[in-house]
Amino acid sequence: MEEVITRRLKHSIEKTGQGFGKLPDAIFVDGGITQMRAAQNAINTYNLQLPIYGMVKNDKHTTRALIDENRKELPLSENLMKLITNFQDTVHDTAINYHRKLRDKAITKSALDNISGIGESKKQLLLKEFGSVEKIKQSSIEELQKVKGISKQLAIKVKTEL
């Protein structure tokens, strides 16, 4: 949390008019006092005075209130509650999608990624033709050459490196 907020503030301070632009008027954290302290540490790095608000959850992990740096609960209107819920949903969706993308990328990695001359398209063609890296290892140089874009030299390289 501290690192993310520090980067955000640094970007606003050092690159005025670009990206995030001006500094925020306040910082809202989707958590309690620990995340608020992390945000305060980031703010202190730049000697800024920004209010920080933490989201207090109920037993069902739904935000029921905001607290300030002094742990004082702030009353919330229905419209403000809807806005906060919208913020949380958007942030959670972004985080989930980011982690899915990382997971999907890790799943599609293979030993073929480390062979120069084998890009994503040739990798896909090889895997489509043979079904797995293990079956590519077991195939002959002649069989590999039957795949579009795989020359004899590249087939030899694939066999050698696998």
C-alpha atoms as a PDB file:
ATOM      1  CA  MET A   1       0.000   0.000   0.000  1.00  0.00           C
ATOM      2  CA  GLU A   2       2.743   2.412   0.977  1.00  0.00           C
ATOM      3  CA  GLU A   3       4.719   1.725  -2.192  1.00  0.00           C
ATOM      4  CA  VAL A   4       1.717   2.213  -4.476  1.00  0.00           C
ATOM      5  CA  ILE A   5       0.705   5.501  -2.871  1.00  0.00           C
ATOM      6  CA  THR A   6       4.316   6.722  -2.833  1.00  0.00           C
ATOM      7  CA  ARG A   7       4.594   6.042  -6.590  1.00  0.00           C
ATOM      8  CA  ARG A   8       1.272   7.780  -7.218  1.00  0.00           C
ATOM      9  CA  LEU A   9       2.294  10.893  -5.271  1.00  0.00           C
ATOM     10  CA  LYS A  10       5.774  10.946  -6.805  1.00  0.00           C
ATOM     11  CA  HIS A  11       4.286  10.799 -10.295  1.00  0.00           C
ATOM     12  CA  SER A  12       1.961  13.722  -9.551  1.00  0.00           C
ATOM     13  CA  ILE A  13       4.749  15.801  -8.054  1.00  0.00           C
ATOM     14  CA  GLU A  14       7.471  15.082 -10.629  1.00  0.00           C
ATOM     15  CA  LYS A  15       5.381  14.864 -13.791  1.00  0.00           C
ATOM     16  CA  THR A  16       2.921  17.697 -13.462  1.00  0.00           C
ATOM     17  CA  GLY A  17       0.350  17.671 -16.247  1.00  0.00           C
ATOM     18  CA  GLN A  18       1.090  14.081 -17.270  1.00  0.00           C
ATOM     19  CA  GLY A  19      -0.556  10.831 -16.261  1.00  0.00           C
ATOM     20  CA  PHE A  20      -2.329  11.313 -12.954  1.00  0.00           C
ATOM     21  CA  GLY A  21      -1.811  15.077 -13.087  1.00  0.00           C
ATOM     22  CA  LYS A  22      -2.440  16.961  -9.878  1.00  0.00           C
ATOM     23  CA  LEU A  23      -2.315  15.565  -6.371  1.00  0.00           C
ATOM     24  CA  PRO A  24      -5.465  13.982  -4.949  1.00  0.00           C
ATOM     25  CA  ASP A  25      -7.629  15.919  -2.501  1.00  0.00           C
ATOM     26  CA  ALA A  26      -7.921  12.876  -0.221  1.00  0.00           C
ATOM     27  CA  ILE A  27      -6.893   9.240  -0.070  1.00  0.00           C
ATOM     28  CA  PHE A  28      -9.339   6.417   0.588  1.00  0.00           C
ATOM     29  CA  VAL A  29      -8.002   3.011   1.579  1.00  0.00           C
ATOM     30  CA  ASP A  30     -10.007  -0.188   1.429  1.00  0.00           C
ATOM     31  CA  GLY A  31      -8.962  -1.265   4.864  1.00  0.00           C
ATOM     32  CA  GLY A  32      -8.461  -0.193   8.404  1.00  0.00           C
ATOM     33  CA  ILE A  33      -5.811   1.462  10.483  1.00  0.00           C
ATOM     34  CA  THR A  34      -2.858  -0.592   9.137  1.00  0.00           C
ATOM     35  CA  GLN A  35      -3.490   0.508   5.561  1.00  0.00           C
ATOM     36  CA  MET A  36      -4.133   4.046   6.759  1.00  0.00           C
ATOM     37  CA  ARG A  37      -0.707   4.078   8.450  1.00  0.00           C
ATOM     38  CA  ALA A  38       0.923   2.865   5.236  1.00  0.00           C
ATOM     39  CA  ALA A  39      -0.807   5.659   3.314  1.00  0.00           C
ATOM     40  CA  GLN A  40       0.282   8.185   5.970  1.00  0.00           C
ATOM     41  CA  ASN A  41       3.912   7.021   5.639  1.00  0.00           C
ATOM     42  CA  ALA A  42       3.746   7.617   1.886  1.00  0.00           C
ATOM     43  CA  ILE A  43       2.256  11.076   2.398  1.00  0.00           C
ATOM     44  CA  ASN A  44       4.908  11.919   5.002  1.00  0.00           C
ATOM     45  CA  THR A  45       7.627  11.066   2.459  1.00  0.00           C
ATOM     46  CA  TYR A  46       6.625  14.208   0.561  1.00  0.00           C
ATOM     47  CA  ASN A  47       5.627  16.331   3.588  1.00  0.00           C
ATOM     48  CA  LEU A  48       2.071  16.618   2.293  1.00  0.00           C
ATOM     49  CA  GLN A  49      -1.138  17.267   4.191  1.00  0.00           C
ATOM     50  CA  LEU A  50      -3.793  14.996   2.715  1.00  0.00           C
ATOM     51  CA  PRO A  51      -6.738  13.522   4.587  1.00  0.00           C
ATOM     52  CA  ILE A  52      -6.885   9.721   4.674  1.00  0.00           C
ATOM     53  CA  TYR A  53     -10.058   7.732   5.126  1.00  0.00           C
ATOM     54  CA  GLY A  54     -10.317   4.035   5.850  1.00  0.00           C
ATOM     55  CA  MET A  55     -13.291   1.846   5.074  1.00  0.00           C
ATOM     56  CA  VAL A  56     -14.812  -0.002   8.015  1.00  0.00           C
ATOM     57  CA  LYS A  57     -16.423  -3.318   7.134  1.00  0.00           C
ATOM     58  CA  ASN A  58     -19.293  -5.178   8.721  1.00  0.00           C
ATOM     59  CA  ASP A  59     -19.479  -8.954   9.326  1.00  0.00           C
ATOM     60  CA  LYS A  60     -20.346  -9.524   5.655  1.00  0.00           C
ATOM     61  CA  HIS A  61     -17.252  -7.577   4.486  1.00  0.00           C
ATOM     62  CA  THR A  62     -19.403  -4.714   3.236  1.00  0.00           C
ATOM     63  CA  THR A  63     -18.309  -1.167   3.971  1.00  0.00           C
ATOM     64  CA  ARG A  64     -20.497   0.318   6.683  1.00  0.00           C
ATOM     65  CA  ALA A  65     -18.544   3.500   7.483  1.00  0.00           C
ATOM     66  CA  LEU A  66     -15.472   5.615   6.880  1.00  0.00           C
ATOM     67  CA  ILE A  67     -12.968   6.490   9.569  1.00  0.00           C
ATOM     68  CA  ASP A  68     -10.470   9.337   9.622  1.00  0.00           C
ATOM     69  CA  GLU A  69      -6.893   9.312  10.936  1.00  0.00           C
ATOM     70  CA  ASN A  70      -8.240   9.652  14.501  1.00  0.00           C
ATOM     71  CA  ARG A  71     -10.467   6.583  14.066  1.00  0.00           C
ATOM     72  CA  LYS A  72     -13.537   8.791  14.191  1.00  0.00           C
ATOM     73  CA  GLU A  73     -16.431   7.356  12.168  1.00  0.00           C
ATOM     74  CA  LEU A  74     -17.892   9.687   9.606  1.00  0.00           C
ATOM     75  CA  PRO A  75     -21.574   9.648   8.746  1.00  0.00           C
ATOM     76  CA  LEU A  76     -22.273   8.504   5.189  1.00  0.00           C
ATOM     77  CA  SER A  77     -25.136   9.531   2.972  1.00  0.00           C
ATOM     78  CA  GLU A  78     -26.724   6.942   0.724  1.00  0.00           C
ATOM     79  CA  ASN A  79     -25.143   8.586  -2.345  1.00  0.00           C
ATOM     80  CA  LEU A  80     -21.686   8.546  -0.777  1.00  0.00           C
ATOM     81  CA  MET A  81     -22.126   4.886   0.178  1.00  0.00           C
ATOM     82  CA  LYS A  82     -23.025   4.069  -3.441  1.00  0.00           C
ATOM     83  CA  LEU A  83     -19.966   5.971  -4.675  1.00  0.00           C
ATOM     84  CA  ILE A  84     -17.651   4.167  -2.258  1.00  0.00           C
ATOM     85  CA  THR A  85     -19.156   0.805  -3.228  1.00  0.00           C
ATOM     86  CA  ASN A  86     -18.606   1.668  -6.889  1.00  0.00           C
ATOM     87  CA  PHE A  87     -14.958   2.566  -6.148  1.00  0.00           C
ATOM     88  CA  GLN A  88     -14.430  -0.706  -4.287  1.00  0.00           C
ATOM     89  CA  ASP A  89     -16.044  -2.795  -7.005  1.00  0.00           C
ATOM     90  CA  THR A  90     -13.923  -1.139  -9.692  1.00  0.00           C
ATOM     91  CA  VAL A  91     -10.697  -1.585  -7.728  1.00  0.00           C
ATOM     92  CA  HIS A  92     -11.492  -5.215  -6.933  1.00  0.00           C
ATOM     93  CA  ASP A  93     -12.366  -5.959 -10.577  1.00  0.00           C
ATOM     94  CA  THR A  94      -9.099  -4.362 -11.722  1.00  0.00           C
ATOM     95  CA  ALA A  95      -7.069  -6.376  -9.206  1.00  0.00           C
ATOM     96  CA  ILE A  96      -8.815  -9.635 -10.093  1.00  0.00           C
ATOM     97  CA  ASN A  97      -8.311  -9.078 -13.827  1.00  0.00           C
ATOM     98  CA  TYR A  98      -4.636  -8.217 -13.288  1.00  0.00           C
ATOM     99  CA  HIS A  99      -4.019 -11.394 -11.292  1.00  0.00           C
ATOM    100  CA  ARG A 100      -5.919 -13.501 -13.852  1.00  0.00           C
ATOM    101  CA  LYS A 101      -3.716 -12.055 -16.579  1.00  0.00           C
ATOM    102  CA  LEU A 102      -0.578 -12.930 -14.591  1.00  0.00           C
ATOM    103  CA  ARG A 103      -1.870 -16.448 -13.920  1.00  0.00           C
ATOM    104  CA  ASP A 104      -2.837 -16.999 -17.557  1.00  0.00           C
ATOM    105  CA  LYS A 105       0.566 -15.780 -18.688  1.00  0.00           C
ATOM    106  CA  ALA A 106       2.299 -18.175 -16.279  1.00  0.00           C
ATOM    107  CA  ILE A 107       0.125 -21.061 -17.452  1.00  0.00           C
ATOM    108  CA  THR A 108       1.011 -20.511 -21.114  1.00  0.00           C
ATOM    109  CA  LYS A 109       4.760 -20.442 -20.482  1.00  0.00           C
ATOM    110  CA  SER A 110       6.694 -23.399 -21.786  1.00  0.00           C
ATOM    111  CA  ALA A 111      10.229 -24.546 -22.548  1.00  0.00           C
ATOM    112  CA  LEU A 112       9.664 -23.276 -26.102  1.00  0.00           C
ATOM    113  CA  ASP A 113       9.729 -19.685 -24.798  1.00  0.00           C
ATOM    114  CA  ASN A 114      13.464 -19.989 -24.142  1.00  0.00           C
ATOM    115  CA  ILE A 115      14.398 -20.969 -27.698  1.00  0.00           C
ATOM    116  CA  SER A 116      15.456 -18.066 -29.901  1.00  0.00           C
ATOM    117  CA  GLY A 117      13.700 -18.225 -33.227  1.00  0.00           C
ATOM    118  CA  ILE A 118      10.518 -19.578 -31.645  1.00  0.00           C
ATOM    119  CA  GLY A 119       8.081 -16.757 -31.155  1.00  0.00           C
ATOM    120  CA  GLU A 120       4.499 -16.933 -29.968  1.00  0.00           C
ATOM    121  CA  SER A 121       3.064 -17.927 -33.360  1.00  0.00           C
ATOM    122  CA  LYS A 122       5.566 -20.762 -33.996  1.00  0.00           C
ATOM    123  CA  LYS A 123       5.103 -21.932 -30.424  1.00  0.00           C
ATOM    124  CA  GLN A 124       1.342 -22.095 -30.942  1.00  0.00           C
ATOM    125  CA  LEU A 125       1.736 -23.925 -34.260  1.00  0.00           C
ATOM    126  CA  LEU A 126       4.062 -26.501 -32.680  1.00  0.00           C
ATOM    127  CA  LEU A 127       1.784 -27.047 -29.708  1.00  0.00           C
ATOM    128  CA  LYS A 128      -1.261 -27.303 -31.966  1.00  0.00           C
ATOM    129  CA  GLU A 129       0.477 -29.889 -34.157  1.00  0.00           C
ATOM    130  CA  PHE A 130       2.038 -32.004 -31.396  1.00  0.00           C
ATOM    131  CA  GLY A 131      -0.163 -31.277 -28.386  1.00  0.00           C
ATOM    132  CA  SER A 132       2.573 -30.815 -25.796  1.00  0.00           C
ATOM    133  CA  VAL A 133       6.231 -29.970 -25.314  1.00  0.00           C
ATOM    134  CA  GLU A 134       6.841 -33.597 -24.353  1.00  0.00           C
ATOM    135  CA  LYS A 135       5.540 -34.799 -27.731  1.00  0.00           C
ATOM    136  CA  ILE A 136       7.632 -32.143 -29.500  1.00  0.00           C
ATOM    137  CA  LYS A 137      10.690 -33.584 -27.711  1.00  0.00           C
ATOM    138  CA  GLN A 138       9.785 -37.064 -28.964  1.00  0.00           C
ATOM    139  CA  SER A 139       9.244 -35.979 -32.571  1.00  0.00           C
ATOM    140  CA  SER A 140      11.845 -36.225 -35.318  1.00  0.00           C
ATOM    141  CA  ILE A 141      13.513 -33.291 -37.049  1.00  0.00           C
ATOM    142  CA  GLU A 142      11.580 -34.193 -40.214  1.00  0.00           C
ATOM    143  CA  GLU A 143       8.262 -34.098 -38.323  1.00  0.00           C
ATOM    144  CA  LEU A 144       9.115 -30.712 -36.841  1.00  0.00           C
ATOM    145  CA  GLN A 145       9.934 -29.349 -40.319  1.00  0.00           C
ATOM    146  CA  LYS A 146       6.398 -30.112 -41.454  1.00  0.00           C
ATOM    147  CA  VAL A 147       5.184 -27.273 -39.215  1.00  0.00           C
ATOM    148  CA  LYS A 148       4.920 -23.965 -41.075  1.00  0.00           C
ATOM    149  CA  GLY A 149       7.938 -21.751 -40.430  1.00  0.00           C
ATOM    150  CA  ILE A 150      10.142 -24.456 -38.931  1.00  0.00           C
ATOM    151  CA  SER A 151      13.306 -24.867 -41.014  1.00  0.00           C
ATOM    152  CA  LYS A 152      15.714 -27.778 -40.640  1.00  0.00           C
ATOM    153  CA  GLN A 153      18.105 -25.545 -38.730  1.00  0.00           C
ATOM    154  CA  LEU A 154      15.346 -24.399 -36.348  1.00  0.00           C
ATOM    155  CA  ALA A 155      14.069 -27.979 -35.928  1.00  0.00           C
ATOM    156  CA  ILE A 156      17.585 -29.064 -34.927  1.00  0.00           C
ATOM    157  CA  LYS A 157      17.776 -26.164 -32.478  1.00  0.00           C
ATOM    158  CA  VAL A 158      14.402 -27.081 -30.947  1.00  0.00           C
ATOM    159  CA  LYS A 159      15.455 -30.737 -30.523  1.00  0.00           C
ATOM    160  CA  THR A 160      18.827 -29.732 -29.043  1.00  0.00           C
ATOM    161  CA  GLU A 161      17.437 -27.214 -26.571  1.00  0.00           C
ATOM    162  CA  LEU A 162      14.497 -29.322 -25.446  1.00  0.00           C
END
